[in-house]
Amino acid sequence: MSEHLYFRQWLSGRDVALGNELAKEMRNFAYAIGDTRSAEAVLVDPAHAPLELVAAVEADGLKVVGVIATHYHADHIGGSFHGHVVDGIAELVAAHPMPIHVQAIEAPYVKTGTGVGVPPVVAHQPGDTVMVGGVAVTLLHTPGHTPGSQCLLVEGRLLTGDTLFLNGCGLTGRPESDAAELYLSLHERLALLSDDLLVYPGHKYALANEATLGEVRRTNGAMSPMSLGDWIVSFGS
């Protein structure tokens, strides 16, 4: 791992968005990835308190120059959520214009949910790299929870959004979800990644905030070897 990597994790309702009961209930993680040499950073899934996150990064001496969204759901990038309005990328770009990096197939959903379209949304292909100063963030397309869900690979870390939690995985009950694709994402698309990677999920659904991918493979039933049919019975929803 580079000594110049800047990396932070925040838990909504505890570290930011204090007093926001929805944020506390949802237990979303937000992240910052940056390069201390260039003093630039991107936010990952800046819902609930996006301007607080910008202020926190600026207090560390870096400038927020973009956002990477793991997927379009409102608890990750803002929008309407079960009768609530969640602050996110719309409020962020209104105050600080910046690119929003998503998988191309996800861009229409982002537009519908937040009103933020292309530009500032930047539509990527699987395997694209977003450079933050000299730090490379690889965008791994891992569909299933949503069509354009992506995991972010950066210097020994894997940010998994709602594709993979430390316990369990994202739900697949919405019309745009696909349980078979999520199975493939977990059992094939992520299969070649090293056990040594540290997994940073999109929600705090476990006591720990991170774990190695090897530990997750050993303890998370969603990654246990099984047929597609058996997996859908157990984890499809």
C-alpha atoms as a PDB file:
ATOM      1  CA  MET A   1       0.000   0.000   0.000  1.00  0.00           C
ATOM      2  CA  SER A   2       1.237   3.459  -0.893  1.00  0.00           C
ATOM      3  CA  GLU A   3       2.324   5.723   1.941  1.00  0.00           C
ATOM      4  CA  HIS A   4       0.559   8.515   0.054  1.00  0.00           C
ATOM      5  CA  LEU A   5      -2.872   6.874   0.108  1.00  0.00           C
ATOM      6  CA  TYR A   6      -5.504   8.826   2.021  1.00  0.00           C
ATOM      7  CA  PHE A   7      -8.404   6.683   3.217  1.00  0.00           C
ATOM      8  CA  ARG A   8     -11.271   7.396   5.618  1.00  0.00           C
ATOM      9  CA  GLN A   9     -14.450   5.619   6.613  1.00  0.00           C
ATOM     10  CA  TRP A  10     -17.488   7.242   8.242  1.00  0.00           C
ATOM     11  CA  LEU A  11     -20.627   5.652   9.682  1.00  0.00           C
ATOM     12  CA  SER A  12     -23.812   7.629   9.087  1.00  0.00           C
ATOM     13  CA  GLY A  13     -25.662   8.617  12.231  1.00  0.00           C
ATOM     14  CA  ARG A  14     -22.537   8.175  14.346  1.00  0.00           C
ATOM     15  CA  ASP A  15     -19.597   9.907  12.660  1.00  0.00           C
ATOM     16  CA  VAL A  16     -21.637  12.213  10.413  1.00  0.00           C
ATOM     17  CA  ALA A  17     -25.325  13.157  10.149  1.00  0.00           C
ATOM     18  CA  LEU A  18     -25.622  13.155  13.927  1.00  0.00           C
ATOM     19  CA  GLY A  19     -29.217  13.400  15.056  1.00  0.00           C
ATOM     20  CA  ASN A  20     -30.497  12.080  11.722  1.00  0.00           C
ATOM     21  CA  GLU A  21     -32.608   9.094  12.709  1.00  0.00           C
ATOM     22  CA  LEU A  22     -32.835   7.704   9.171  1.00  0.00           C
ATOM     23  CA  ALA A  23     -29.048   7.859   8.797  1.00  0.00           C
ATOM     24  CA  LYS A  24     -28.651   6.108  12.132  1.00  0.00           C
ATOM     25  CA  GLU A  25     -31.143   3.418  11.130  1.00  0.00           C
ATOM     26  CA  MET A  26     -29.598   2.798   7.697  1.00  0.00           C
ATOM     27  CA  ARG A  27     -26.029   2.430   9.039  1.00  0.00           C
ATOM     28  CA  ASN A  28     -24.437   3.476   5.762  1.00  0.00           C
ATOM     29  CA  PHE A  29     -20.706   3.783   5.413  1.00  0.00           C
ATOM     30  CA  ALA A  30     -19.224   6.620   3.361  1.00  0.00           C
ATOM     31  CA  TYR A  31     -15.579   6.742   2.334  1.00  0.00           C
ATOM     32  CA  ALA A  32     -12.878   9.054   1.057  1.00  0.00           C
ATOM     33  CA  ILE A  33      -9.992   7.941  -1.135  1.00  0.00           C
ATOM     34  CA  GLY A  34      -7.192  10.340  -1.923  1.00  0.00           C
ATOM     35  CA  ASP A  35      -3.562  11.123  -2.598  1.00  0.00           C
ATOM     36  CA  THR A  36      -1.757  13.170   0.020  1.00  0.00           C
ATOM     37  CA  ARG A  37       0.822  14.298  -2.555  1.00  0.00           C
ATOM     38  CA  SER A  38      -1.715  15.936  -4.855  1.00  0.00           C
ATOM     39  CA  ALA A  39      -4.028  16.777  -1.925  1.00  0.00           C
ATOM     40  CA  GLU A  40      -7.009  15.440  -3.888  1.00  0.00           C
ATOM     41  CA  ALA A  41      -9.716  13.023  -2.807  1.00  0.00           C
ATOM     42  CA  VAL A  42     -12.973  11.479  -3.990  1.00  0.00           C
ATOM     43  CA  LEU A  43     -15.954  10.584  -1.844  1.00  0.00           C
ATOM     44  CA  VAL A  44     -17.606   7.188  -2.112  1.00  0.00           C
ATOM     45  CA  ASP A  45     -21.374   7.012  -1.512  1.00  0.00           C
ATOM     46  CA  PRO A  46     -21.742  10.433   0.164  1.00  0.00           C
ATOM     47  CA  ALA A  47     -25.362  10.206   1.340  1.00  0.00           C
ATOM     48  CA  HIS A  48     -26.995  11.738   4.419  1.00  0.00           C
ATOM     49  CA  ALA A  49     -24.373  14.462   5.071  1.00  0.00           C
ATOM     50  CA  PRO A  50     -22.350  15.150   1.896  1.00  0.00           C
ATOM     51  CA  LEU A  51     -21.209  18.622   2.870  1.00  0.00           C
ATOM     52  CA  GLU A  52     -20.036  17.359   6.265  1.00  0.00           C
ATOM     53  CA  LEU A  53     -17.873  14.842   4.422  1.00  0.00           C
ATOM     54  CA  VAL A  54     -16.374  17.571   2.243  1.00  0.00           C
ATOM     55  CA  ALA A  55     -15.591  19.613   5.343  1.00  0.00           C
ATOM     56  CA  ALA A  56     -13.951  16.624   7.031  1.00  0.00           C
ATOM     57  CA  VAL A  57     -11.699  15.989   4.021  1.00  0.00           C
ATOM     58  CA  GLU A  58     -10.838  19.678   3.745  1.00  0.00           C
ATOM     59  CA  ALA A  59      -9.932  19.690   7.446  1.00  0.00           C
ATOM     60  CA  ASP A  60      -7.362  17.027   6.586  1.00  0.00           C
ATOM     61  CA  GLY A  61      -5.862  19.329   3.957  1.00  0.00           C
ATOM     62  CA  LEU A  62      -7.281  17.715   0.807  1.00  0.00           C
ATOM     63  CA  LYS A  63      -9.778  18.908  -1.801  1.00  0.00           C
ATOM     64  CA  VAL A  64     -12.728  16.759  -2.877  1.00  0.00           C
ATOM     65  CA  VAL A  65     -12.563  16.505  -6.668  1.00  0.00           C
ATOM     66  CA  GLY A  66     -15.193  13.856  -7.393  1.00  0.00           C
ATOM     67  CA  VAL A  67     -17.544  11.124  -6.258  1.00  0.00           C
ATOM     68  CA  ILE A  68     -17.622   7.411  -7.005  1.00  0.00           C
ATOM     69  CA  ALA A  69     -21.009   5.788  -6.455  1.00  0.00           C
ATOM     70  CA  THR A  70     -21.203   2.049  -5.809  1.00  0.00           C
ATOM     71  CA  HIS A  71     -24.847   2.162  -6.964  1.00  0.00           C
ATOM     72  CA  TYR A  72     -27.781   4.514  -7.310  1.00  0.00           C
ATOM     73  CA  HIS A  73     -29.903   3.805  -4.222  1.00  0.00           C
ATOM     74  CA  ALA A  74     -30.862   6.880  -2.207  1.00  0.00           C
ATOM     75  CA  ASP A  75     -29.201   5.746   0.997  1.00  0.00           C
ATOM     76  CA  HIS A  76     -25.895   5.829  -0.910  1.00  0.00           C
ATOM     77  CA  ILE A  77     -26.160   8.891  -3.169  1.00  0.00           C
ATOM     78  CA  GLY A  78     -29.309  10.697  -2.008  1.00  0.00           C
ATOM     79  CA  GLY A  79     -32.825  11.103  -3.304  1.00  0.00           C
ATOM     80  CA  SER A  80     -36.247   9.948  -2.163  1.00  0.00           C
ATOM     81  CA  PHE A  81     -36.325   7.033   0.257  1.00  0.00           C
ATOM     82  CA  HIS A  82     -39.586   5.675   1.728  1.00  0.00           C
ATOM     83  CA  GLY A  83     -41.070   9.135   2.142  1.00  0.00           C
ATOM     84  CA  HIS A  84     -37.809  10.722   3.262  1.00  0.00           C
ATOM     85  CA  VAL A  85     -35.508  12.987   1.282  1.00  0.00           C
ATOM     86  CA  VAL A  86     -31.857  12.034   1.654  1.00  0.00           C
ATOM     87  CA  ASP A  87     -29.135  14.583   0.895  1.00  0.00           C
ATOM     88  CA  GLY A  88     -26.501  13.339  -1.507  1.00  0.00           C
ATOM     89  CA  ILE A  89     -24.911  14.101  -4.845  1.00  0.00           C
ATOM     90  CA  ALA A  90     -27.518  16.662  -5.940  1.00  0.00           C
ATOM     91  CA  GLU A  91     -26.755  18.860  -2.937  1.00  0.00           C
ATOM     92  CA  LEU A  92     -23.045  18.177  -3.298  1.00  0.00           C
ATOM     93  CA  VAL A  93     -22.687  19.211  -6.943  1.00  0.00           C
ATOM     94  CA  ALA A  94     -24.879  22.259  -6.369  1.00  0.00           C
ATOM     95  CA  ALA A  95     -22.324  23.498  -3.838  1.00  0.00           C
ATOM     96  CA  HIS A  96     -19.153  21.995  -5.349  1.00  0.00           C
ATOM     97  CA  PRO A  97     -19.408  21.019  -9.047  1.00  0.00           C
ATOM     98  CA  MET A  98     -17.530  17.757  -9.592  1.00  0.00           C
ATOM     99  CA  PRO A  99     -17.769  14.531 -11.622  1.00  0.00           C
ATOM    100  CA  ILE A 100     -19.843  11.595 -10.366  1.00  0.00           C
ATOM    101  CA  HIS A 101     -18.356   8.276 -11.523  1.00  0.00           C
ATOM    102  CA  VAL A 102     -20.766   5.377 -12.140  1.00  0.00           C
ATOM    103  CA  GLN A 103     -21.097   2.347 -14.370  1.00  0.00           C
ATOM    104  CA  ALA A 104     -22.716   3.361 -17.672  1.00  0.00           C
ATOM    105  CA  ILE A 105     -25.722   1.104 -17.167  1.00  0.00           C
ATOM    106  CA  GLU A 106     -26.367   2.830 -13.812  1.00  0.00           C
ATOM    107  CA  ALA A 107     -26.409   6.399 -15.167  1.00  0.00           C
ATOM    108  CA  PRO A 108     -30.146   6.476 -16.071  1.00  0.00           C
ATOM    109  CA  TYR A 109     -31.071   5.248 -12.596  1.00  0.00           C
ATOM    110  CA  VAL A 110     -28.893   7.955 -11.020  1.00  0.00           C
ATOM    111  CA  LYS A 111     -30.652  10.570 -13.156  1.00  0.00           C
ATOM    112  CA  THR A 112     -34.110   9.311 -12.199  1.00  0.00           C
ATOM    113  CA  GLY A 113     -33.309   9.073  -8.494  1.00  0.00           C
ATOM    114  CA  THR A 114     -31.373  12.286  -7.987  1.00  0.00           C
ATOM    115  CA  GLY A 115     -31.927  14.496 -11.024  1.00  0.00           C
ATOM    116  CA  VAL A 116     -28.171  14.473 -11.681  1.00  0.00           C
ATOM    117  CA  GLY A 117     -27.388  13.445 -15.241  1.00  0.00           C
ATOM    118  CA  VAL A 118     -24.541  13.402 -17.750  1.00  0.00           C
ATOM    119  CA  PRO A 119     -22.619  15.612 -17.042  1.00  0.00           C
ATOM    120  CA  PRO A 120     -21.587  15.750 -14.216  1.00  0.00           C
ATOM    121  CA  VAL A 121     -22.229  11.994 -14.157  1.00  0.00           C
ATOM    122  CA  VAL A 122     -19.386  10.167 -15.915  1.00  0.00           C
ATOM    123  CA  ALA A 123     -20.425   6.806 -17.382  1.00  0.00           C
ATOM    124  CA  HIS A 124     -17.751   4.094 -17.109  1.00  0.00           C
ATOM    125  CA  GLN A 125     -17.188   0.633 -18.504  1.00  0.00           C
ATOM    126  CA  PRO A 126     -16.257  -2.391 -16.349  1.00  0.00           C
ATOM    127  CA  GLY A 127     -12.588  -2.323 -15.405  1.00  0.00           C
ATOM    128  CA  ASP A 128     -12.139   1.412 -15.926  1.00  0.00           C
ATOM    129  CA  THR A 129      -9.768   3.235 -13.613  1.00  0.00           C
ATOM    130  CA  VAL A 130     -10.418   6.544 -11.896  1.00  0.00           C
ATOM    131  CA  MET A 131      -7.212   8.379 -11.005  1.00  0.00           C
ATOM    132  CA  VAL A 132      -7.160  10.440  -7.829  1.00  0.00           C
ATOM    133  CA  GLY A 133      -3.826  12.161  -8.067  1.00  0.00           C
ATOM    134  CA  GLY A 134      -1.495   9.192  -8.402  1.00  0.00           C
ATOM    135  CA  VAL A 135      -3.888   6.734  -6.716  1.00  0.00           C
ATOM    136  CA  ALA A 136      -5.697   4.344  -9.070  1.00  0.00           C
ATOM    137  CA  VAL A 137      -9.234   3.193  -8.232  1.00  0.00           C
ATOM    138  CA  THR A 138     -10.370   0.270 -10.394  1.00  0.00           C
ATOM    139  CA  LEU A 139     -14.112  -0.028 -11.026  1.00  0.00           C
ATOM    140  CA  LEU A 140     -15.239  -3.672 -10.870  1.00  0.00           C
ATOM    141  CA  HIS A 141     -18.731  -4.126 -12.313  1.00  0.00           C
ATOM    142  CA  THR A 142     -20.589  -6.458  -9.948  1.00  0.00           C
ATOM    143  CA  PRO A 143     -24.264  -6.415 -11.003  1.00  0.00           C
ATOM    144  CA  GLY A 144     -27.084  -8.073  -9.142  1.00  0.00           C
ATOM    145  CA  HIS A 145     -28.228  -5.768  -6.356  1.00  0.00           C
ATOM    146  CA  THR A 146     -28.598  -3.163  -9.103  1.00  0.00           C
ATOM    147  CA  PRO A 147     -27.654  -3.436 -12.793  1.00  0.00           C
ATOM    148  CA  GLY A 148     -24.669  -1.140 -12.408  1.00  0.00           C
ATOM    149  CA  SER A 149     -23.441  -1.994  -8.928  1.00  0.00           C
ATOM    150  CA  GLN A 150     -19.672  -1.770  -8.694  1.00  0.00           C
ATOM    151  CA  CYS A 151     -16.921  -2.597  -6.216  1.00  0.00           C
ATOM    152  CA  LEU A 152     -13.858  -0.382  -5.946  1.00  0.00           C
ATOM    153  CA  LEU A 153     -10.376  -1.845  -5.809  1.00  0.00           C
ATOM    154  CA  VAL A 154      -7.676   0.441  -4.441  1.00  0.00           C
ATOM    155  CA  GLU A 155      -4.314  -0.501  -2.931  1.00  0.00           C
ATOM    156  CA  GLY A 156      -5.244  -3.578  -0.934  1.00  0.00           C
ATOM    157  CA  ARG A 157      -8.796  -2.464  -0.224  1.00  0.00           C
ATOM    158  CA  LEU A 158     -12.092  -3.554  -1.755  1.00  0.00           C
ATOM    159  CA  LEU A 159     -15.087  -1.263  -1.244  1.00  0.00           C
ATOM    160  CA  THR A 160     -18.114  -3.430  -1.917  1.00  0.00           C
ATOM    161  CA  GLY A 161     -21.166  -1.187  -1.542  1.00  0.00           C
ATOM    162  CA  ASP A 162     -24.244  -3.415  -1.322  1.00  0.00           C
ATOM    163  CA  THR A 163     -22.759  -6.207  -3.427  1.00  0.00           C
ATOM    164  CA  LEU A 164     -21.137  -7.859  -0.419  1.00  0.00           C
ATOM    165  CA  PHE A 165     -21.380  -7.242   3.316  1.00  0.00           C
ATOM    166  CA  LEU A 166     -19.207  -8.798   5.991  1.00  0.00           C
ATOM    167  CA  ASN A 167     -22.316 -10.852   6.773  1.00  0.00           C
ATOM    168  CA  GLY A 168     -24.634 -11.510   3.823  1.00  0.00           C
ATOM    169  CA  CYS A 169     -25.082  -9.572   0.604  1.00  0.00           C
ATOM    170  CA  GLY A 170     -27.385  -7.067  -1.053  1.00  0.00           C
ATOM    171  CA  LEU A 171     -31.053  -7.772  -1.629  1.00  0.00           C
ATOM    172  CA  THR A 172     -32.389  -8.718  -5.049  1.00  0.00           C
ATOM    173  CA  GLY A 173     -36.117  -8.198  -4.622  1.00  0.00           C
ATOM    174  CA  ARG A 174     -36.534  -5.066  -6.738  1.00  0.00           C
ATOM    175  CA  PRO A 175     -37.582  -5.352 -10.389  1.00  0.00           C
ATOM    176  CA  GLU A 176     -34.207  -4.108 -11.614  1.00  0.00           C
ATOM    177  CA  SER A 177     -32.299  -6.550  -9.389  1.00  0.00           C
ATOM    178  CA  ASP A 178     -31.070  -9.946 -10.580  1.00  0.00           C
ATOM    179  CA  ALA A 179     -30.272 -12.707  -8.102  1.00  0.00           C
ATOM    180  CA  ALA A 180     -28.451 -14.810 -10.694  1.00  0.00           C
ATOM    181  CA  GLU A 181     -26.185 -11.881 -11.557  1.00  0.00           C
ATOM    182  CA  LEU A 182     -25.393 -11.278  -7.896  1.00  0.00           C
ATOM    183  CA  TYR A 183     -24.495 -14.944  -7.522  1.00  0.00           C
ATOM    184  CA  LEU A 184     -22.097 -14.587 -10.469  1.00  0.00           C
ATOM    185  CA  SER A 185     -20.657 -11.398  -9.017  1.00  0.00           C
ATOM    186  CA  LEU A 186     -19.885 -13.076  -5.703  1.00  0.00           C
ATOM    187  CA  HIS A 187     -18.805 -16.486  -7.007  1.00  0.00           C
ATOM    188  CA  GLU A 188     -17.118 -15.607 -10.308  1.00  0.00           C
ATOM    189  CA  ARG A 189     -16.426 -11.889 -10.746  1.00  0.00           C
ATOM    190  CA  LEU A 190     -14.810 -11.546  -7.313  1.00  0.00           C
ATOM    191  CA  ALA A 191     -13.401 -15.083  -7.281  1.00  0.00           C
ATOM    192  CA  LEU A 192      -9.884 -14.220  -8.444  1.00  0.00           C
ATOM    193  CA  LEU A 193      -9.323 -11.452  -5.914  1.00  0.00           C
ATOM    194  CA  SER A 194      -6.785 -12.039  -3.168  1.00  0.00           C
ATOM    195  CA  ASP A 195      -7.829 -13.216   0.290  1.00  0.00           C
ATOM    196  CA  ASP A 196      -5.567 -10.489   1.689  1.00  0.00           C
ATOM    197  CA  LEU A 197      -7.765  -7.648   0.454  1.00  0.00           C
ATOM    198  CA  LEU A 198      -9.545  -5.686   3.163  1.00  0.00           C
ATOM    199  CA  VAL A 199     -13.290  -5.545   2.519  1.00  0.00           C
ATOM    200  CA  TYR A 200     -15.071  -2.284   3.329  1.00  0.00           C
ATOM    201  CA  PRO A 201     -18.854  -2.704   2.917  1.00  0.00           C
ATOM    202  CA  GLY A 202     -21.616  -0.201   2.261  1.00  0.00           C
ATOM    203  CA  HIS A 203     -23.400  -0.839   5.576  1.00  0.00           C
ATOM    204  CA  LYS A 204     -22.414  -1.765   9.102  1.00  0.00           C
ATOM    205  CA  TYR A 205     -24.225  -5.071   9.438  1.00  0.00           C
ATOM    206  CA  ALA A 206     -21.496  -6.684  11.547  1.00  0.00           C
ATOM    207  CA  LEU A 207     -19.528  -5.840  14.670  1.00  0.00           C
ATOM    208  CA  ALA A 208     -16.402  -5.161  12.638  1.00  0.00           C
ATOM    209  CA  ASN A 209     -16.079  -2.309  10.159  1.00  0.00           C
ATOM    210  CA  GLU A 210     -13.824  -4.270   7.815  1.00  0.00           C
ATOM    211  CA  ALA A 211     -12.413  -7.775   7.373  1.00  0.00           C
ATOM    212  CA  THR A 212     -10.131  -9.572   4.970  1.00  0.00           C
ATOM    213  CA  LEU A 213     -11.765 -11.078   1.923  1.00  0.00           C
ATOM    214  CA  GLY A 214     -10.449 -14.452   3.043  1.00  0.00           C
ATOM    215  CA  GLU A 215     -12.279 -14.132   6.367  1.00  0.00           C
ATOM    216  CA  VAL A 216     -15.463 -13.046   4.589  1.00  0.00           C
ATOM    217  CA  ARG A 217     -15.222 -16.060   2.284  1.00  0.00           C
ATOM    218  CA  ARG A 218     -14.862 -18.366   5.287  1.00  0.00           C
ATOM    219  CA  THR A 219     -17.662 -16.876   7.399  1.00  0.00           C
ATOM    220  CA  ASN A 220     -20.206 -15.332   5.030  1.00  0.00           C
ATOM    221  CA  GLY A 221     -22.729 -17.856   3.773  1.00  0.00           C
ATOM    222  CA  ALA A 222     -23.424 -15.778   0.677  1.00  0.00           C
ATOM    223  CA  MET A 223     -19.942 -16.693  -0.563  1.00  0.00           C
ATOM    224  CA  SER A 224     -20.078 -20.376   0.398  1.00  0.00           C
ATOM    225  CA  PRO A 225     -19.743 -22.808  -2.510  1.00  0.00           C
ATOM    226  CA  MET A 226     -23.204 -23.845  -3.691  1.00  0.00           C
ATOM    227  CA  SER A 227     -25.240 -24.119  -6.850  1.00  0.00           C
ATOM    228  CA  LEU A 228     -27.090 -21.149  -8.274  1.00  0.00           C
ATOM    229  CA  GLY A 229     -30.405 -22.736  -7.413  1.00  0.00           C
ATOM    230  CA  ASP A 230     -29.472 -23.360  -3.792  1.00  0.00           C
ATOM    231  CA  TRP A 231     -28.022 -19.861  -3.506  1.00  0.00           C
ATOM    232  CA  ILE A 232     -31.209 -18.226  -4.782  1.00  0.00           C
ATOM    233  CA  VAL A 233     -33.275 -20.217  -2.280  1.00  0.00           C
ATOM    234  CA  SER A 234     -31.028 -19.020   0.551  1.00  0.00           C
ATOM    235  CA  PHE A 235     -30.150 -15.470  -0.505  1.00  0.00           C
ATOM    236  CA  GLY A 236     -32.416 -14.391  -3.355  1.00  0.00           C
ATOM    237  CA  SER A 237     -35.077 -11.928  -2.218  1.00  0.00           C
END
